[in-house]
């Protein structure tokens, strides 16, 4: 859900030629979202495979989870001028949806089981990578 709104907002801001949203910042956001899409696809595929689905069906499920992104891009290009006034509200909604999922589902699940240290380590590595990209790309 948040991917749809993030893509819409990124394209709308860039199409509006907003002085704060440059091609570099749009590229940086796209890179961050692309990095995030790999584990997102795995999160969809792994439970399908664990439930006995074929490798092909599990992979297809992960791939299909990203189908909304190009749809959001096309809708944004078509309706860019309508979205721009609502940009702050839509960004707030996307950020809130992401925070809710992380706090409510990902953090508790990460700290359960025998391998809770691995989850904490990768959470820290992901956060560090995000901050490095933020500083490096502005």
C-alpha atoms as a PDB file:
ATOM      1  CA  UNK A   1       0.000   0.000   0.000  1.00  0.00           C
ATOM      2  CA  UNK A   2       2.689   2.511   0.946  1.00  0.00           C
ATOM      3  CA  UNK A   3       4.640   1.736  -2.255  1.00  0.00           C
ATOM      4  CA  UNK A   4       1.711   2.913  -4.348  1.00  0.00           C
ATOM      5  CA  UNK A   5       1.552   6.259  -2.528  1.00  0.00           C
ATOM      6  CA  UNK A   6       5.342   6.703  -2.454  1.00  0.00           C
ATOM      7  CA  UNK A   7       5.595   6.240  -6.205  1.00  0.00           C
ATOM      8  CA  UNK A   8       2.652   8.547  -6.843  1.00  0.00           C
ATOM      9  CA  UNK A   9       4.122  11.277  -4.683  1.00  0.00           C
ATOM     10  CA  UNK A  10       7.606  10.976  -6.123  1.00  0.00           C
ATOM     11  CA  UNK A  11       6.348  11.319  -9.694  1.00  0.00           C
ATOM     12  CA  UNK A  12       3.881  14.079  -8.841  1.00  0.00           C
ATOM     13  CA  UNK A  13       6.529  16.190  -7.145  1.00  0.00           C
ATOM     14  CA  UNK A  14       8.977  15.714  -9.985  1.00  0.00           C
ATOM     15  CA  UNK A  15       6.360  16.428 -12.666  1.00  0.00           C
ATOM     16  CA  UNK A  16       5.327  19.601 -10.841  1.00  0.00           C
ATOM     17  CA  UNK A  17       8.927  20.789 -11.095  1.00  0.00           C
ATOM     18  CA  UNK A  18       8.957  21.392  -7.358  1.00  0.00           C
ATOM     19  CA  UNK A  19      12.247  23.107  -6.456  1.00  0.00           C
ATOM     20  CA  UNK A  20      12.752  20.725  -3.534  1.00  0.00           C
ATOM     21  CA  UNK A  21      12.232  17.588  -5.623  1.00  0.00           C
ATOM     22  CA  UNK A  22      15.033  17.274  -8.133  1.00  0.00           C
ATOM     23  CA  UNK A  23      15.935  14.470 -10.504  1.00  0.00           C
ATOM     24  CA  UNK A  24      18.703  13.492  -8.058  1.00  0.00           C
ATOM     25  CA  UNK A  25      16.325  13.236  -5.106  1.00  0.00           C
ATOM     26  CA  UNK A  26      13.808  11.297  -7.198  1.00  0.00           C
ATOM     27  CA  UNK A  27      16.618   8.932  -8.235  1.00  0.00           C
ATOM     28  CA  UNK A  28      17.740   8.546  -4.604  1.00  0.00           C
ATOM     29  CA  UNK A  29      14.199   7.707  -3.521  1.00  0.00           C
ATOM     30  CA  UNK A  30      13.831   5.271  -6.418  1.00  0.00           C
ATOM     31  CA  UNK A  31      17.082   3.559  -5.421  1.00  0.00           C
ATOM     32  CA  UNK A  32      15.922   3.243  -1.815  1.00  0.00           C
ATOM     33  CA  UNK A  33      12.579   1.811  -2.850  1.00  0.00           C
ATOM     34  CA  UNK A  34      14.265  -0.601  -5.280  1.00  0.00           C
ATOM     35  CA  UNK A  35      16.537  -1.883  -2.498  1.00  0.00           C
ATOM     36  CA  UNK A  36      13.496  -2.292  -0.257  1.00  0.00           C
ATOM     37  CA  UNK A  37      11.596  -4.212  -2.946  1.00  0.00           C
ATOM     38  CA  UNK A  38      13.929  -7.238  -2.798  1.00  0.00           C
ATOM     39  CA  UNK A  39      13.084  -8.217   0.798  1.00  0.00           C
ATOM     40  CA  UNK A  40       9.454  -7.263   0.179  1.00  0.00           C
ATOM     41  CA  UNK A  41       9.230  -9.803  -2.641  1.00  0.00           C
ATOM     42  CA  UNK A  42      10.937 -12.391  -0.432  1.00  0.00           C
ATOM     43  CA  UNK A  43       8.457 -11.725   2.378  1.00  0.00           C
ATOM     44  CA  UNK A  44       5.645 -12.555  -0.040  1.00  0.00           C
ATOM     45  CA  UNK A  45       7.360 -15.586  -1.606  1.00  0.00           C
ATOM     46  CA  UNK A  46       8.745 -17.354   1.469  1.00  0.00           C
ATOM     47  CA  UNK A  47       5.419 -18.061   3.233  1.00  0.00           C
ATOM     48  CA  UNK A  48       3.932 -19.289  -0.052  1.00  0.00           C
ATOM     49  CA  UNK A  49       6.817 -21.722  -0.474  1.00  0.00           C
ATOM     50  CA  UNK A  50       6.597 -22.805   3.187  1.00  0.00           C
ATOM     51  CA  UNK A  51       2.903 -23.602   2.678  1.00  0.00           C
ATOM     52  CA  UNK A  52       3.800 -26.014  -0.112  1.00  0.00           C
ATOM     53  CA  UNK A  53       3.346 -23.871  -3.214  1.00  0.00           C
ATOM     54  CA  UNK A  54       5.719 -24.527  -6.105  1.00  0.00           C
ATOM     55  CA  UNK A  55       8.848 -22.416  -6.505  1.00  0.00           C
ATOM     56  CA  UNK A  56       7.387 -20.896  -9.639  1.00  0.00           C
ATOM     57  CA  UNK A  57       4.111 -19.903  -7.954  1.00  0.00           C
ATOM     58  CA  UNK A  58       5.950 -18.465  -4.927  1.00  0.00           C
ATOM     59  CA  UNK A  59       8.273 -16.447  -7.186  1.00  0.00           C
ATOM     60  CA  UNK A  60       5.324 -15.193  -9.225  1.00  0.00           C
ATOM     61  CA  UNK A  61       3.581 -14.068  -6.032  1.00  0.00           C
ATOM     62  CA  UNK A  62       6.631 -12.010  -5.078  1.00  0.00           C
ATOM     63  CA  UNK A  63       6.858 -10.466  -8.532  1.00  0.00           C
ATOM     64  CA  UNK A  64       3.152  -9.626  -8.644  1.00  0.00           C
ATOM     65  CA  UNK A  65       3.445  -7.729  -5.352  1.00  0.00           C
ATOM     66  CA  UNK A  66       5.339  -5.033  -7.279  1.00  0.00           C
ATOM     67  CA  UNK A  67       2.776  -4.656 -10.077  1.00  0.00           C
ATOM     68  CA  UNK A  68       1.102  -1.677  -8.388  1.00  0.00           C
ATOM     69  CA  UNK A  69       4.196   0.493  -8.815  1.00  0.00           C
ATOM     70  CA  UNK A  70       4.030   1.041 -12.594  1.00  0.00           C
ATOM     71  CA  UNK A  71       0.253   1.425 -12.309  1.00  0.00           C
ATOM     72  CA  UNK A  72       0.809   4.175  -9.734  1.00  0.00           C
ATOM     73  CA  UNK A  73       3.337   5.857 -12.017  1.00  0.00           C
ATOM     74  CA  UNK A  74       0.911   5.921 -14.956  1.00  0.00           C
ATOM     75  CA  UNK A  75      -1.954   7.205 -12.793  1.00  0.00           C
ATOM     76  CA  UNK A  76       0.285   9.923 -11.402  1.00  0.00           C
ATOM     77  CA  UNK A  77       1.455  11.064 -14.810  1.00  0.00           C
ATOM     78  CA  UNK A  78      -2.181  11.305 -15.900  1.00  0.00           C
ATOM     79  CA  UNK A  79      -3.383  13.091 -12.753  1.00  0.00           C
ATOM     80  CA  UNK A  80      -0.249  14.955 -11.577  1.00  0.00           C
ATOM     81  CA  UNK A  81      -1.862  18.367 -11.261  1.00  0.00           C
ATOM     82  CA  UNK A  82      -4.718  16.950  -9.181  1.00  0.00           C
ATOM     83  CA  UNK A  83      -2.386  15.199  -6.730  1.00  0.00           C
ATOM     84  CA  UNK A  84      -0.017  18.106  -6.042  1.00  0.00           C
ATOM     85  CA  UNK A  85      -2.285  20.042  -3.611  1.00  0.00           C
ATOM     86  CA  UNK A  86      -2.784  16.871  -1.563  1.00  0.00           C
ATOM     87  CA  UNK A  87       0.930  15.989  -1.557  1.00  0.00           C
ATOM     88  CA  UNK A  88       1.617  16.728   2.148  1.00  0.00           C
ATOM     89  CA  UNK A  89      -1.401  14.703   3.256  1.00  0.00           C
ATOM     90  CA  UNK A  90      -0.588  11.746   1.024  1.00  0.00           C
ATOM     91  CA  UNK A  91       3.047  11.751   2.165  1.00  0.00           C
ATOM     92  CA  UNK A  92       1.879  11.745   5.778  1.00  0.00           C
ATOM     93  CA  UNK A  93      -0.433   8.817   5.072  1.00  0.00           C
ATOM     94  CA  UNK A  94       2.342   6.833   3.349  1.00  0.00           C
ATOM     95  CA  UNK A  95       4.772   7.478   6.216  1.00  0.00           C
ATOM     96  CA  UNK A  96       2.146   6.532   8.796  1.00  0.00           C
ATOM     97  CA  UNK A  97       1.308   3.296   6.980  1.00  0.00           C
ATOM     98  CA  UNK A  98       4.981   2.331   6.867  1.00  0.00           C
ATOM     99  CA  UNK A  99       5.550   3.150  10.542  1.00  0.00           C
ATOM    100  CA  UNK A 100       2.468   1.186  11.540  1.00  0.00           C
ATOM    101  CA  UNK A 101       3.621  -1.936   9.690  1.00  0.00           C
ATOM    102  CA  UNK A 102       7.146  -1.717  11.117  1.00  0.00           C
ATOM    103  CA  UNK A 103       6.075  -1.148  14.733  1.00  0.00           C
ATOM    104  CA  UNK A 104       3.054  -3.442  14.773  1.00  0.00           C
ATOM    105  CA  UNK A 105       4.323  -6.395  12.758  1.00  0.00           C
ATOM    106  CA  UNK A 106       7.976  -6.386  11.749  1.00  0.00           C
ATOM    107  CA  UNK A 107       9.735  -5.496  15.012  1.00  0.00           C
ATOM    108  CA  UNK A 108       7.816  -8.004  17.200  1.00  0.00           C
ATOM    109  CA  UNK A 109       8.257 -10.764  14.611  1.00  0.00           C
ATOM    110  CA  UNK A 110      11.954  -9.985  14.253  1.00  0.00           C
ATOM    111  CA  UNK A 111      12.632 -10.473  17.968  1.00  0.00           C
ATOM    112  CA  UNK A 112      10.919 -13.878  18.276  1.00  0.00           C
ATOM    113  CA  UNK A 113      12.509 -17.283  17.946  1.00  0.00           C
ATOM    114  CA  UNK A 114      16.033 -18.607  18.074  1.00  0.00           C
ATOM    115  CA  UNK A 115      17.537 -16.264  15.493  1.00  0.00           C
ATOM    116  CA  UNK A 116      16.454 -12.944  16.996  1.00  0.00           C
ATOM    117  CA  UNK A 117      20.052 -11.669  16.914  1.00  0.00           C
ATOM    118  CA  UNK A 118      20.200 -12.122  13.140  1.00  0.00           C
ATOM    119  CA  UNK A 119      17.026 -10.058  12.709  1.00  0.00           C
ATOM    120  CA  UNK A 120      18.440  -7.310  14.907  1.00  0.00           C
ATOM    121  CA  UNK A 121      21.733  -7.349  12.997  1.00  0.00           C
ATOM    122  CA  UNK A 122      20.055  -7.042   9.594  1.00  0.00           C
ATOM    123  CA  UNK A 123      17.666  -4.381  10.899  1.00  0.00           C
ATOM    124  CA  UNK A 124      20.719  -2.382  12.042  1.00  0.00           C
ATOM    125  CA  UNK A 125      22.526  -2.938   8.730  1.00  0.00           C
ATOM    126  CA  UNK A 126      19.466  -1.837   6.749  1.00  0.00           C
ATOM    127  CA  UNK A 127      19.022   1.270   8.869  1.00  0.00           C
ATOM    128  CA  UNK A 128      22.737   2.106   8.514  1.00  0.00           C
ATOM    129  CA  UNK A 129      22.561   1.667   4.724  1.00  0.00           C
ATOM    130  CA  UNK A 130      19.510   3.934   4.596  1.00  0.00           C
ATOM    131  CA  UNK A 131      21.311   6.646   6.576  1.00  0.00           C
ATOM    132  CA  UNK A 132      24.483   6.345   4.452  1.00  0.00           C
ATOM    133  CA  UNK A 133      22.412   6.755   1.274  1.00  0.00           C
ATOM    134  CA  UNK A 134      20.583   9.717   2.822  1.00  0.00           C
ATOM    135  CA  UNK A 135      23.822  11.502   3.671  1.00  0.00           C
ATOM    136  CA  UNK A 136      25.636  10.548   0.449  1.00  0.00           C
ATOM    137  CA  UNK A 137      22.810  11.469  -1.912  1.00  0.00           C
ATOM    138  CA  UNK A 138      21.650  14.551  -0.027  1.00  0.00           C
END
